[in-house]
Amino acid sequence: MGLSIAGMHHVAIPVPDLDASEEWYCRVLNGTVALRLGVDESDVRAQRTRQVWIRVGAAIINLAEGPKVIRPDGMHFFHYAMAGEASDLEPWIHHLEANGVKVLGPYGHGGAGGLSLYFDDPDGYRLEIVFELGDYETAKATAIALGGALGNPDAPYDWDE
């Protein structure tokens, strides 16, 4: 059977302060509001959860009012990754820092041609932007020039020589 998935539609993230999270995701990730749910009279009567869908490039981040989920310390594989254009790596670093966001990286990944910037939203959700630079040597040289490392914020390791 030739079933396939066309792509990821959205990621849903529960947040305790929907308005503050909306502002942050729109400002820091250059997102735009695509949809609001749980705010009109029929949704309120139905007690539907308040949500805002933020379009970030081709991705949609569905922020839903609710208690945040705590990422355990050292739990690298609990994050949300987006793709960025290679030419935007340094501008993203500057943009995030200008918005008071602590940038972790860039991190290279052994043998791969991409670099990753990691950072946390105000609720502690770990986000990642991946930049494909083509080949490992280019990614390695770029990361070293920008003070980066190999691995990830929870498990960095030395560059292979």
N, C-alpha and C. Protein backbone atom coordinates (compact mmCIF):
# COMPACT_ATOMS: atom_id res chain seq x y z
N MET A 1 0.85 -1.18 0.00
CA MET A 1 0.00 0.00 0.00
C MET A 1 0.90 1.24 0.00
N GLY A 2 0.69 2.18 -0.89
CA GLY A 2 1.55 3.34 -1.05
C GLY A 2 1.16 4.54 -0.23
N LEU A 3 0.89 4.35 1.06
CA LEU A 3 0.53 5.48 1.91
C LEU A 3 1.77 6.30 2.24
N SER A 4 1.59 7.60 2.35
CA SER A 4 2.72 8.45 2.73
C SER A 4 2.21 9.64 3.55
N ILE A 5 3.11 10.26 4.22
CA ILE A 5 2.83 11.48 4.98
C ILE A 5 3.39 12.65 4.17
N ALA A 6 2.60 13.68 3.98
CA ALA A 6 3.02 14.82 3.18
C ALA A 6 3.95 15.76 3.94
N GLY A 7 3.94 15.71 5.25
CA GLY A 7 4.77 16.59 6.06
C GLY A 7 4.14 16.80 7.42
N MET A 8 4.83 17.50 8.27
CA MET A 8 4.32 17.81 9.60
C MET A 8 3.35 18.98 9.48
N HIS A 9 2.17 18.85 10.07
CA HIS A 9 1.18 19.93 10.01
C HIS A 9 1.42 20.95 11.12
N HIS A 10 1.47 20.49 12.37
CA HIS A 10 1.73 21.42 13.47
C HIS A 10 2.26 20.66 14.68
N VAL A 11 2.83 21.44 15.59
CA VAL A 11 3.27 20.94 16.89
C VAL A 11 2.47 21.71 17.92
N ALA A 12 1.86 20.99 18.87
CA ALA A 12 1.06 21.64 19.92
C ALA A 12 1.88 21.71 21.21
N ILE A 13 1.89 22.90 21.80
CA ILE A 13 2.67 23.13 23.03
C ILE A 13 1.76 23.80 24.05
N PRO A 14 1.57 23.18 25.22
CA PRO A 14 0.77 23.84 26.25
C PRO A 14 1.58 24.95 26.95
N VAL A 15 0.94 26.11 27.13
CA VAL A 15 1.61 27.25 27.76
C VAL A 15 0.68 27.87 28.80
N PRO A 16 1.24 28.30 29.94
CA PRO A 16 0.38 28.86 30.99
C PRO A 16 -0.10 30.28 30.72
N ASP A 17 0.63 31.06 29.94
CA ASP A 17 0.24 32.44 29.62
C ASP A 17 0.20 32.57 28.10
N LEU A 18 -0.96 32.31 27.53
CA LEU A 18 -1.12 32.27 26.07
C LEU A 18 -0.73 33.60 25.43
N ASP A 19 -1.16 34.71 26.01
CA ASP A 19 -0.87 36.02 25.41
C ASP A 19 0.63 36.30 25.39
N ALA A 20 1.33 36.00 26.49
CA ALA A 20 2.78 36.24 26.55
C ALA A 20 3.51 35.32 25.57
N SER A 21 3.08 34.07 25.47
CA SER A 21 3.73 33.14 24.54
C SER A 21 3.49 33.56 23.09
N GLU A 22 2.27 34.00 22.78
CA GLU A 22 1.98 34.48 21.43
C GLU A 22 2.91 35.63 21.07
N GLU A 23 3.05 36.58 21.97
CA GLU A 23 3.91 37.74 21.71
C GLU A 23 5.34 37.28 21.47
N TRP A 24 5.87 36.36 22.29
CA TRP A 24 7.25 35.89 22.17
C TRP A 24 7.47 35.16 20.84
N TYR A 25 6.59 34.22 20.50
CA TYR A 25 6.76 33.45 19.27
C TYR A 25 6.64 34.33 18.03
N CYS A 26 5.77 35.32 18.07
CA CYS A 26 5.66 36.23 16.93
C CYS A 26 6.89 37.13 16.82
N ARG A 27 7.35 37.65 17.95
CA ARG A 27 8.50 38.56 17.93
C ARG A 27 9.81 37.82 17.68
N VAL A 28 10.07 36.76 18.41
CA VAL A 28 11.37 36.10 18.35
C VAL A 28 11.51 35.20 17.12
N LEU A 29 10.44 34.50 16.75
CA LEU A 29 10.52 33.60 15.60
C LEU A 29 9.92 34.21 14.34
N ASN A 30 9.60 35.51 14.40
CA ASN A 30 9.00 36.20 13.25
C ASN A 30 7.73 35.50 12.78
N GLY A 31 6.97 34.98 13.73
CA GLY A 31 5.74 34.26 13.41
C GLY A 31 4.57 35.20 13.17
N THR A 32 3.54 34.64 12.56
CA THR A 32 2.29 35.37 12.36
C THR A 32 1.13 34.49 12.83
N VAL A 33 0.11 35.12 13.36
CA VAL A 33 -1.05 34.37 13.83
C VAL A 33 -1.83 33.86 12.62
N ALA A 34 -2.01 32.54 12.58
CA ALA A 34 -2.76 31.92 11.48
C ALA A 34 -4.20 31.62 11.90
N LEU A 35 -4.43 31.38 13.20
CA LEU A 35 -5.76 30.97 13.65
C LEU A 35 -5.84 31.14 15.16
N ARG A 36 -7.02 31.53 15.62
CA ARG A 36 -7.31 31.56 17.07
C ARG A 36 -8.51 30.67 17.30
N LEU A 37 -8.44 29.87 18.34
CA LEU A 37 -9.54 28.99 18.72
C LEU A 37 -9.85 29.20 20.21
N GLY A 38 -11.08 28.89 20.57
CA GLY A 38 -11.47 29.01 21.97
C GLY A 38 -11.78 30.41 22.42
N VAL A 39 -12.02 31.32 21.47
CA VAL A 39 -12.24 32.71 21.85
C VAL A 39 -13.61 33.25 21.45
N ASP A 40 -14.26 32.65 20.44
CA ASP A 40 -15.58 33.17 20.07
C ASP A 40 -16.64 32.59 21.02
N GLU A 41 -17.86 33.13 20.93
CA GLU A 41 -18.91 32.75 21.88
C GLU A 41 -19.19 31.25 21.90
N SER A 42 -19.28 30.62 20.73
CA SER A 42 -19.59 29.19 20.70
C SER A 42 -18.46 28.36 21.30
N ASP A 43 -17.20 28.76 21.04
CA ASP A 43 -16.06 28.04 21.64
C ASP A 43 -16.04 28.21 23.16
N VAL A 44 -16.34 29.42 23.63
CA VAL A 44 -16.36 29.69 25.07
C VAL A 44 -17.46 28.86 25.73
N ARG A 45 -18.66 28.83 25.12
CA ARG A 45 -19.75 28.02 25.66
C ARG A 45 -19.38 26.53 25.70
N ALA A 46 -18.66 26.08 24.70
CA ALA A 46 -18.25 24.67 24.63
C ALA A 46 -17.03 24.39 25.51
N GLN A 47 -16.51 25.42 26.15
CA GLN A 47 -15.33 25.33 27.02
C GLN A 47 -14.11 24.81 26.26
N ARG A 48 -14.02 25.23 25.01
CA ARG A 48 -12.87 24.84 24.19
C ARG A 48 -11.62 25.55 24.69
N THR A 49 -10.51 24.87 24.70
CA THR A 49 -9.24 25.43 25.15
C THR A 49 -8.84 26.60 24.26
N ARG A 50 -8.41 27.68 24.89
CA ARG A 50 -7.89 28.82 24.12
C ARG A 50 -6.58 28.41 23.47
N GLN A 51 -6.47 28.74 22.17
CA GLN A 51 -5.28 28.39 21.41
C GLN A 51 -4.98 29.48 20.39
N VAL A 52 -3.74 29.57 20.02
CA VAL A 52 -3.34 30.41 18.90
C VAL A 52 -2.36 29.60 18.06
N TRP A 53 -2.61 29.58 16.76
CA TRP A 53 -1.72 28.88 15.84
C TRP A 53 -0.80 29.92 15.23
N ILE A 54 0.49 29.75 15.42
CA ILE A 54 1.50 30.68 14.93
C ILE A 54 2.20 30.04 13.74
N ARG A 55 2.16 30.73 12.60
CA ARG A 55 2.87 30.25 11.42
C ARG A 55 4.30 30.77 11.49
N VAL A 56 5.25 29.84 11.44
CA VAL A 56 6.67 30.15 11.47
C VAL A 56 7.27 29.50 10.22
N GLY A 57 7.44 30.28 9.17
CA GLY A 57 7.86 29.69 7.90
C GLY A 57 6.77 28.74 7.42
N ALA A 58 7.15 27.51 7.10
CA ALA A 58 6.18 26.51 6.66
C ALA A 58 5.59 25.73 7.83
N ALA A 59 6.09 25.95 9.03
CA ALA A 59 5.64 25.22 10.21
C ALA A 59 4.54 25.99 10.93
N ILE A 60 3.72 25.25 11.67
CA ILE A 60 2.72 25.87 12.54
C ILE A 60 2.98 25.38 13.96
N ILE A 61 3.06 26.33 14.87
CA ILE A 61 3.20 26.01 16.29
C ILE A 61 1.87 26.37 16.94
N ASN A 62 1.20 25.36 17.46
CA ASN A 62 -0.11 25.53 18.11
C ASN A 62 0.13 25.72 19.60
N LEU A 63 0.01 26.95 20.05
CA LEU A 63 0.13 27.25 21.48
C LEU A 63 -1.25 27.10 22.11
N ALA A 64 -1.36 26.23 23.09
CA ALA A 64 -2.65 25.96 23.73
C ALA A 64 -2.53 26.26 25.22
N GLU A 65 -3.51 26.97 25.76
CA GLU A 65 -3.49 27.34 27.17
C GLU A 65 -3.53 26.09 28.03
N GLY A 66 -2.56 25.96 28.91
CA GLY A 66 -2.50 24.81 29.80
C GLY A 66 -1.19 24.79 30.56
N PRO A 67 -1.07 23.86 31.50
CA PRO A 67 0.17 23.79 32.28
C PRO A 67 1.33 23.33 31.40
N LYS A 68 2.50 23.97 31.60
CA LYS A 68 3.65 23.60 30.77
C LYS A 68 4.17 22.21 31.15
N VAL A 69 4.82 21.59 30.20
CA VAL A 69 5.43 20.29 30.41
C VAL A 69 6.91 20.54 30.67
N ILE A 70 7.40 20.06 31.77
CA ILE A 70 8.78 20.31 32.17
C ILE A 70 9.71 19.33 31.46
N ARG A 71 10.70 19.87 30.77
CA ARG A 71 11.74 19.05 30.15
C ARG A 71 12.77 18.71 31.22
N PRO A 72 12.97 17.44 31.50
CA PRO A 72 13.97 17.09 32.52
C PRO A 72 15.36 17.58 32.12
N ASP A 73 16.15 17.99 33.11
CA ASP A 73 17.53 18.39 32.84
C ASP A 73 18.25 17.26 32.13
N GLY A 74 19.04 17.62 31.14
CA GLY A 74 19.82 16.63 30.42
C GLY A 74 19.03 15.83 29.40
N MET A 75 17.76 16.16 29.20
CA MET A 75 16.92 15.40 28.26
C MET A 75 16.97 16.09 26.90
N HIS A 76 18.04 15.83 26.14
CA HIS A 76 18.21 16.50 24.85
C HIS A 76 17.09 16.14 23.88
N PHE A 77 16.66 14.91 23.85
CA PHE A 77 15.69 14.50 22.85
C PHE A 77 14.26 14.82 23.25
N PHE A 78 14.08 16.05 23.72
CA PHE A 78 12.78 16.63 24.03
C PHE A 78 12.90 18.08 23.57
N HIS A 79 12.82 18.26 22.24
CA HIS A 79 12.92 19.60 21.67
C HIS A 79 12.18 19.63 20.34
N TYR A 80 12.02 20.83 19.83
CA TYR A 80 11.28 21.05 18.59
C TYR A 80 12.21 21.74 17.61
N ALA A 81 12.43 21.11 16.44
CA ALA A 81 13.40 21.60 15.47
C ALA A 81 12.70 22.18 14.24
N MET A 82 13.25 23.29 13.79
CA MET A 82 12.78 23.96 12.57
C MET A 82 13.97 24.09 11.63
N ALA A 83 13.71 24.34 10.37
CA ALA A 83 14.77 24.50 9.38
C ALA A 83 14.97 25.97 9.06
N GLY A 84 16.23 26.36 8.94
CA GLY A 84 16.57 27.72 8.55
C GLY A 84 17.45 27.70 7.31
N GLU A 85 17.55 28.82 6.64
CA GLU A 85 18.42 28.94 5.47
C GLU A 85 19.87 29.12 5.95
N ALA A 86 20.81 28.44 5.29
CA ALA A 86 22.22 28.49 5.69
C ALA A 86 22.73 29.94 5.78
N SER A 87 22.32 30.78 4.86
CA SER A 87 22.78 32.17 4.86
C SER A 87 22.25 32.98 6.05
N ASP A 88 21.27 32.44 6.74
CA ASP A 88 20.68 33.15 7.88
C ASP A 88 21.25 32.73 9.23
N LEU A 89 22.24 31.85 9.26
CA LEU A 89 22.79 31.37 10.54
C LEU A 89 23.22 32.52 11.44
N GLU A 90 24.15 33.34 10.99
CA GLU A 90 24.62 34.44 11.84
C GLU A 90 23.53 35.48 12.11
N PRO A 91 22.72 35.86 11.11
CA PRO A 91 21.63 36.78 11.43
C PRO A 91 20.68 36.24 12.50
N TRP A 92 20.42 34.92 12.48
CA TRP A 92 19.56 34.34 13.53
C TRP A 92 20.23 34.46 14.90
N ILE A 93 21.53 34.22 14.97
CA ILE A 93 22.24 34.36 16.25
C ILE A 93 22.05 35.78 16.77
N HIS A 94 22.29 36.77 15.92
CA HIS A 94 22.17 38.17 16.33
C HIS A 94 20.73 38.53 16.70
N HIS A 95 19.77 38.05 15.92
CA HIS A 95 18.36 38.33 16.19
C HIS A 95 17.93 37.74 17.54
N LEU A 96 18.29 36.50 17.78
CA LEU A 96 17.92 35.87 19.06
C LEU A 96 18.54 36.61 20.22
N GLU A 97 19.84 36.89 20.12
CA GLU A 97 20.53 37.62 21.20
C GLU A 97 19.94 39.00 21.41
N ALA A 98 19.58 39.69 20.34
CA ALA A 98 18.99 41.03 20.45
C ALA A 98 17.63 40.98 21.14
N ASN A 99 16.98 39.82 21.12
CA ASN A 99 15.69 39.64 21.78
C ASN A 99 15.83 38.99 23.16
N GLY A 100 17.05 39.00 23.70
CA GLY A 100 17.29 38.49 25.05
C GLY A 100 17.25 36.98 25.17
N VAL A 101 17.44 36.28 24.06
CA VAL A 101 17.40 34.83 24.06
C VAL A 101 18.83 34.29 24.15
N LYS A 102 19.08 33.41 25.09
CA LYS A 102 20.39 32.77 25.22
C LYS A 102 20.53 31.70 24.13
N VAL A 103 21.51 31.90 23.25
CA VAL A 103 21.74 30.97 22.14
C VAL A 103 22.73 29.91 22.59
N LEU A 104 22.38 28.66 22.35
CA LEU A 104 23.26 27.54 22.64
C LEU A 104 23.75 27.01 21.30
N GLY A 105 25.04 27.15 21.05
CA GLY A 105 25.59 26.68 19.79
C GLY A 105 26.25 27.81 19.04
N PRO A 106 26.54 27.54 17.78
CA PRO A 106 26.02 26.44 16.97
C PRO A 106 26.70 25.11 17.30
N TYR A 107 25.93 24.06 17.12
CA TYR A 107 26.42 22.70 17.31
C TYR A 107 26.45 21.98 15.98
N GLY A 108 27.57 21.32 15.71
CA GLY A 108 27.69 20.44 14.57
C GLY A 108 27.30 19.04 15.01
N HIS A 109 27.09 18.20 14.03
CA HIS A 109 26.67 16.82 14.31
C HIS A 109 27.58 15.90 13.51
N GLY A 110 28.36 15.09 14.22
CA GLY A 110 29.39 14.23 13.64
C GLY A 110 29.08 13.67 12.27
N GLY A 111 29.83 14.11 11.29
CA GLY A 111 29.70 13.60 9.94
C GLY A 111 28.61 14.27 9.11
N ALA A 112 27.76 15.08 9.71
CA ALA A 112 26.64 15.71 9.00
C ALA A 112 27.01 17.13 8.57
N GLY A 113 26.33 17.63 7.57
CA GLY A 113 26.63 18.95 7.02
C GLY A 113 25.78 20.07 7.58
N GLY A 114 25.11 19.83 8.69
CA GLY A 114 24.26 20.86 9.26
C GLY A 114 24.77 21.38 10.59
N LEU A 115 24.33 22.56 10.93
CA LEU A 115 24.59 23.15 12.25
C LEU A 115 23.26 23.47 12.90
N SER A 116 23.24 23.41 14.23
CA SER A 116 22.02 23.67 14.99
C SER A 116 22.24 24.77 16.01
N LEU A 117 21.28 25.67 16.08
CA LEU A 117 21.20 26.62 17.18
C LEU A 117 20.09 26.12 18.09
N TYR A 118 20.35 26.06 19.37
CA TYR A 118 19.34 25.67 20.35
C TYR A 118 19.06 26.88 21.24
N PHE A 119 17.84 26.97 21.73
CA PHE A 119 17.47 28.03 22.65
C PHE A 119 16.14 27.64 23.30
N ASP A 120 15.84 28.28 24.41
CA ASP A 120 14.62 27.96 25.14
C ASP A 120 13.62 29.10 25.05
N ASP A 121 12.34 28.74 24.97
CA ASP A 121 11.31 29.78 25.03
C ASP A 121 11.12 30.16 26.49
N PRO A 122 10.30 31.15 26.81
CA PRO A 122 10.14 31.58 28.20
C PRO A 122 9.60 30.51 29.15
N ASP A 123 8.95 29.47 28.61
CA ASP A 123 8.44 28.39 29.45
C ASP A 123 9.40 27.21 29.55
N GLY A 124 10.57 27.34 28.96
CA GLY A 124 11.57 26.30 29.06
C GLY A 124 11.50 25.23 27.97
N TYR A 125 10.66 25.43 26.96
CA TYR A 125 10.64 24.48 25.85
C TYR A 125 11.90 24.71 25.00
N ARG A 126 12.61 23.65 24.72
CA ARG A 126 13.84 23.74 23.92
C ARG A 126 13.48 23.75 22.44
N LEU A 127 13.97 24.75 21.74
CA LEU A 127 13.76 24.90 20.30
C LEU A 127 15.09 24.79 19.59
N GLU A 128 15.05 24.44 18.32
CA GLU A 128 16.26 24.28 17.52
C GLU A 128 15.98 24.82 16.12
N ILE A 129 16.97 25.49 15.56
CA ILE A 129 16.93 25.83 14.14
C ILE A 129 18.12 25.12 13.50
N VAL A 130 17.84 24.31 12.48
CA VAL A 130 18.86 23.55 11.77
C VAL A 130 19.20 24.27 10.46
N PHE A 131 20.49 24.43 10.22
CA PHE A 131 20.99 25.09 9.01
C PHE A 131 21.84 24.09 8.24
N GLU A 132 21.42 23.70 7.06
CA GLU A 132 22.18 22.76 6.23
C GLU A 132 23.24 23.54 5.45
N LEU A 133 24.52 23.21 5.74
CA LEU A 133 25.63 23.91 5.10
C LEU A 133 26.27 23.09 3.98
N GLY A 134 25.75 21.90 3.73
CA GLY A 134 26.22 21.12 2.59
C GLY A 134 27.08 19.94 2.94
N ASP A 135 28.16 20.16 3.69
CA ASP A 135 29.06 19.06 4.02
C ASP A 135 29.64 19.27 5.42
N TYR A 136 30.18 18.19 5.96
CA TYR A 136 30.68 18.20 7.33
C TYR A 136 31.83 19.20 7.52
N GLU A 137 32.77 19.24 6.58
CA GLU A 137 33.93 20.13 6.76
C GLU A 137 33.50 21.60 6.79
N THR A 138 32.55 21.98 5.97
CA THR A 138 32.04 23.36 5.98
C THR A 138 31.32 23.64 7.29
N ALA A 139 30.49 22.70 7.72
CA ALA A 139 29.77 22.87 8.99
C ALA A 139 30.75 22.98 10.15
N LYS A 140 31.76 22.12 10.16
CA LYS A 140 32.76 22.14 11.24
C LYS A 140 33.51 23.47 11.26
N ALA A 141 34.00 23.92 10.11
CA ALA A 141 34.75 25.18 10.05
C ALA A 141 33.88 26.36 10.48
N THR A 142 32.63 26.37 10.06
CA THR A 142 31.72 27.46 10.43
C THR A 142 31.44 27.45 11.92
N ALA A 143 31.17 26.27 12.47
CA ALA A 143 30.89 26.18 13.91
C ALA A 143 32.10 26.62 14.73
N ILE A 144 33.29 26.17 14.35
CA ILE A 144 34.50 26.56 15.10
C ILE A 144 34.69 28.07 15.01
N ALA A 145 34.49 28.65 13.82
CA ALA A 145 34.65 30.10 13.66
C ALA A 145 33.67 30.88 14.52
N LEU A 146 32.50 30.29 14.78
CA LEU A 146 31.48 30.97 15.59
C LEU A 146 31.52 30.54 17.06
N GLY A 147 32.55 29.81 17.45
CA GLY A 147 32.69 29.38 18.85
C GLY A 147 31.81 28.20 19.20
N GLY A 148 31.38 27.44 18.21
CA GLY A 148 30.48 26.32 18.43
C GLY A 148 31.19 25.05 18.85
N ALA A 149 30.40 24.01 19.00
CA ALA A 149 30.90 22.72 19.45
C ALA A 149 30.24 21.62 18.62
N LEU A 150 30.56 20.39 18.95
CA LEU A 150 29.98 19.24 18.29
C LEU A 150 29.06 18.56 19.29
N GLY A 151 27.92 18.08 18.85
CA GLY A 151 26.97 17.40 19.73
C GLY A 151 25.73 18.23 19.95
N ASN A 152 25.41 18.49 21.23
CA ASN A 152 24.24 19.28 21.59
C ASN A 152 24.48 19.87 22.98
N PRO A 153 23.62 20.76 23.45
CA PRO A 153 23.86 21.40 24.74
C PRO A 153 23.97 20.44 25.92
N ASP A 154 23.34 19.27 25.82
CA ASP A 154 23.39 18.31 26.92
C ASP A 154 24.53 17.32 26.79
N ALA A 155 25.10 17.20 25.59
CA ALA A 155 26.17 16.21 25.38
C ALA A 155 27.13 16.69 24.29
N PRO A 156 27.92 17.74 24.59
CA PRO A 156 28.91 18.16 23.60
C PRO A 156 30.09 17.18 23.60
N TYR A 157 30.77 17.11 22.46
CA TYR A 157 31.97 16.28 22.40
C TYR A 157 32.96 16.93 21.46
N ASP A 158 34.21 16.41 21.47
CA ASP A 158 35.28 17.02 20.71
C ASP A 158 35.12 16.77 19.22
N TRP A 159 35.63 17.71 18.43
CA TRP A 159 35.66 17.55 16.98
C TRP A 159 36.56 16.38 16.65
N ASP A 160 36.15 15.57 15.71
CA ASP A 160 37.01 14.47 15.27
C ASP A 160 38.05 15.06 14.31
N GLU A 161 39.25 14.64 14.50
CA GLU A 161 40.36 15.16 13.67
C GLU A 161 40.86 14.11 12.72
